[in-house]
Amino acid sequence: MFVIGGFLLGAIGGGLRARARGGKLADILQYAFVHGLIFALMGLFVTIYLDRMLRA
């Protein structure tokens, strides 16, 4: 859940950031994708951490 939520939040945030800077469609898509990946990776680490802590 954290991975999907992180990707969606990152993609929305990245797209809005690129749009605010006056980017074209390609810029907006690239920012959305890269921010989505970064946030999804952070969500993956959170998921792994919580899984290991709750199993202990």
N, C-alpha and C. Protein backbone atom coordinates (compact mmCIF):
# COMPACT_ATOMS: atom_id res chain seq x y z
N MET A 1 0.81 -1.19 0.00
CA MET A 1 0.00 0.00 0.00
C MET A 1 0.86 1.26 0.00
N PHE A 2 1.93 1.24 0.77
CA PHE A 2 2.80 2.41 0.84
C PHE A 2 3.47 2.68 -0.50
N VAL A 3 3.77 1.62 -1.23
CA VAL A 3 4.45 1.78 -2.52
C VAL A 3 3.52 2.46 -3.52
N ILE A 4 2.30 1.97 -3.62
CA ILE A 4 1.33 2.54 -4.57
C ILE A 4 0.98 3.97 -4.17
N GLY A 5 0.71 4.17 -2.89
CA GLY A 5 0.39 5.51 -2.42
C GLY A 5 1.54 6.48 -2.62
N GLY A 6 2.76 6.01 -2.37
CA GLY A 6 3.93 6.84 -2.58
C GLY A 6 4.10 7.22 -4.04
N PHE A 7 3.86 6.25 -4.94
CA PHE A 7 3.99 6.56 -6.36
C PHE A 7 2.96 7.61 -6.78
N LEU A 8 1.72 7.43 -6.34
CA LEU A 8 0.68 8.38 -6.72
C LEU A 8 0.94 9.77 -6.17
N LEU A 9 1.32 9.84 -4.90
CA LEU A 9 1.62 11.15 -4.31
C LEU A 9 2.82 11.81 -5.00
N GLY A 10 3.84 11.03 -5.27
CA GLY A 10 5.01 11.57 -5.94
C GLY A 10 4.71 12.04 -7.35
N ALA A 11 3.90 11.27 -8.07
CA ALA A 11 3.56 11.64 -9.44
C ALA A 11 2.74 12.92 -9.47
N ILE A 12 1.79 13.03 -8.56
CA ILE A 12 0.97 14.25 -8.51
C ILE A 12 1.84 15.44 -8.14
N GLY A 13 2.65 15.27 -7.11
CA GLY A 13 3.52 16.36 -6.68
C GLY A 13 4.53 16.77 -7.74
N GLY A 14 5.11 15.79 -8.40
CA GLY A 14 6.08 16.10 -9.45
C GLY A 14 5.44 16.79 -10.64
N GLY A 15 4.26 16.34 -11.02
CA GLY A 15 3.56 16.98 -12.12
C GLY A 15 3.19 18.42 -11.81
N LEU A 16 2.71 18.65 -10.60
CA LEU A 16 2.36 20.01 -10.20
C LEU A 16 3.59 20.91 -10.12
N ARG A 17 4.69 20.33 -9.68
CA ARG A 17 5.93 21.10 -9.58
C ARG A 17 6.42 21.53 -10.96
N ALA A 18 6.39 20.60 -11.91
CA ALA A 18 6.83 20.93 -13.27
C ALA A 18 5.88 21.94 -13.92
N ARG A 19 4.60 21.78 -13.66
CA ARG A 19 3.62 22.71 -14.23
C ARG A 19 3.80 24.12 -13.67
N ALA A 20 4.11 24.21 -12.38
CA ALA A 20 4.32 25.51 -11.75
C ALA A 20 5.55 26.21 -12.30
N ARG A 21 6.52 25.42 -12.76
CA ARG A 21 7.74 25.99 -13.33
C ARG A 21 7.59 26.30 -14.81
N GLY A 22 6.39 26.05 -15.36
CA GLY A 22 6.15 26.38 -16.76
C GLY A 22 6.64 25.33 -17.73
N GLY A 23 6.68 24.08 -17.31
CA GLY A 23 7.18 23.03 -18.19
C GLY A 23 6.17 22.61 -19.24
N LYS A 24 6.68 22.06 -20.32
CA LYS A 24 5.83 21.51 -21.37
C LYS A 24 5.35 20.13 -20.95
N LEU A 25 4.54 19.49 -21.78
CA LEU A 25 3.96 18.20 -21.43
C LEU A 25 5.04 17.16 -21.13
N ALA A 26 6.09 17.11 -21.93
CA ALA A 26 7.16 16.14 -21.71
C ALA A 26 7.85 16.37 -20.36
N ASP A 27 8.04 17.63 -19.99
CA ASP A 27 8.66 17.95 -18.71
C ASP A 27 7.76 17.50 -17.55
N ILE A 28 6.47 17.76 -17.69
CA ILE A 28 5.52 17.39 -16.65
C ILE A 28 5.49 15.87 -16.47
N LEU A 29 5.47 15.14 -17.58
CA LEU A 29 5.46 13.67 -17.49
C LEU A 29 6.75 13.13 -16.89
N GLN A 30 7.87 13.74 -17.25
CA GLN A 30 9.14 13.27 -16.71
C GLN A 30 9.23 13.54 -15.21
N TYR A 31 8.86 14.72 -14.79
CA TYR A 31 8.87 15.05 -13.36
C TYR A 31 7.93 14.12 -12.60
N ALA A 32 6.74 13.90 -13.15
CA ALA A 32 5.77 13.04 -12.48
C ALA A 32 6.32 11.62 -12.34
N PHE A 33 6.91 11.09 -13.38
CA PHE A 33 7.43 9.73 -13.34
C PHE A 33 8.59 9.59 -12.36
N VAL A 34 9.53 10.51 -12.42
CA VAL A 34 10.71 10.42 -11.56
C VAL A 34 10.33 10.61 -10.09
N HIS A 35 9.49 11.59 -9.80
CA HIS A 35 9.05 11.77 -8.42
C HIS A 35 8.24 10.57 -7.95
N GLY A 36 7.44 10.01 -8.83
CA GLY A 36 6.69 8.81 -8.48
C GLY A 36 7.61 7.66 -8.12
N LEU A 37 8.66 7.47 -8.90
CA LEU A 37 9.62 6.40 -8.61
C LEU A 37 10.33 6.62 -7.27
N ILE A 38 10.72 7.85 -7.02
CA ILE A 38 11.43 8.14 -5.77
C ILE A 38 10.53 7.87 -4.57
N PHE A 39 9.29 8.34 -4.64
CA PHE A 39 8.37 8.14 -3.52
C PHE A 39 7.97 6.67 -3.38
N ALA A 40 7.87 5.95 -4.49
CA ALA A 40 7.56 4.52 -4.43
C ALA A 40 8.70 3.76 -3.77
N LEU A 41 9.92 4.15 -4.08
CA LEU A 41 11.08 3.50 -3.45
C LEU A 41 11.10 3.78 -1.95
N MET A 42 10.77 5.01 -1.57
CA MET A 42 10.69 5.32 -0.14
C MET A 42 9.58 4.50 0.52
N GLY A 43 8.45 4.34 -0.17
CA GLY A 43 7.36 3.53 0.35
C GLY A 43 7.77 2.07 0.50
N LEU A 44 8.59 1.58 -0.42
CA LEU A 44 9.08 0.20 -0.33
C LEU A 44 9.94 0.02 0.91
N PHE A 45 10.82 0.99 1.19
CA PHE A 45 11.65 0.89 2.38
C PHE A 45 10.81 0.96 3.66
N VAL A 46 9.79 1.78 3.65
CA VAL A 46 8.89 1.86 4.82
C VAL A 46 8.18 0.53 5.01
N THR A 47 7.73 -0.08 3.93
CA THR A 47 7.04 -1.37 4.01
C THR A 47 7.97 -2.45 4.55
N ILE A 48 9.19 -2.51 4.06
CA ILE A 48 10.16 -3.51 4.55
C ILE A 48 10.46 -3.28 6.01
N TYR A 49 10.66 -2.02 6.40
CA TYR A 49 10.96 -1.71 7.79
C TYR A 49 9.80 -2.14 8.70
N LEU A 50 8.60 -1.77 8.35
CA LEU A 50 7.45 -2.13 9.19
C LEU A 50 7.25 -3.63 9.26
N ASP A 51 7.48 -4.33 8.15
CA ASP A 51 7.33 -5.78 8.14
C ASP A 51 8.33 -6.43 9.09
N ARG A 52 9.55 -5.96 9.07
CA ARG A 52 10.57 -6.55 9.95
C ARG A 52 10.33 -6.19 11.41
N MET A 53 9.83 -4.99 11.68
CA MET A 53 9.61 -4.60 13.06
C MET A 53 8.40 -5.30 13.66
N LEU A 54 7.39 -5.58 12.86
CA LEU A 54 6.18 -6.21 13.37
C LEU A 54 6.33 -7.71 13.53
N ARG A 55 7.31 -8.30 12.86
CA ARG A 55 7.54 -9.74 12.98
C ARG A 55 8.42 -10.09 14.17
N ALA A 56 9.09 -9.13 14.73
CA ALA A 56 10.04 -9.39 15.82
C ALA A 56 9.36 -9.83 17.10
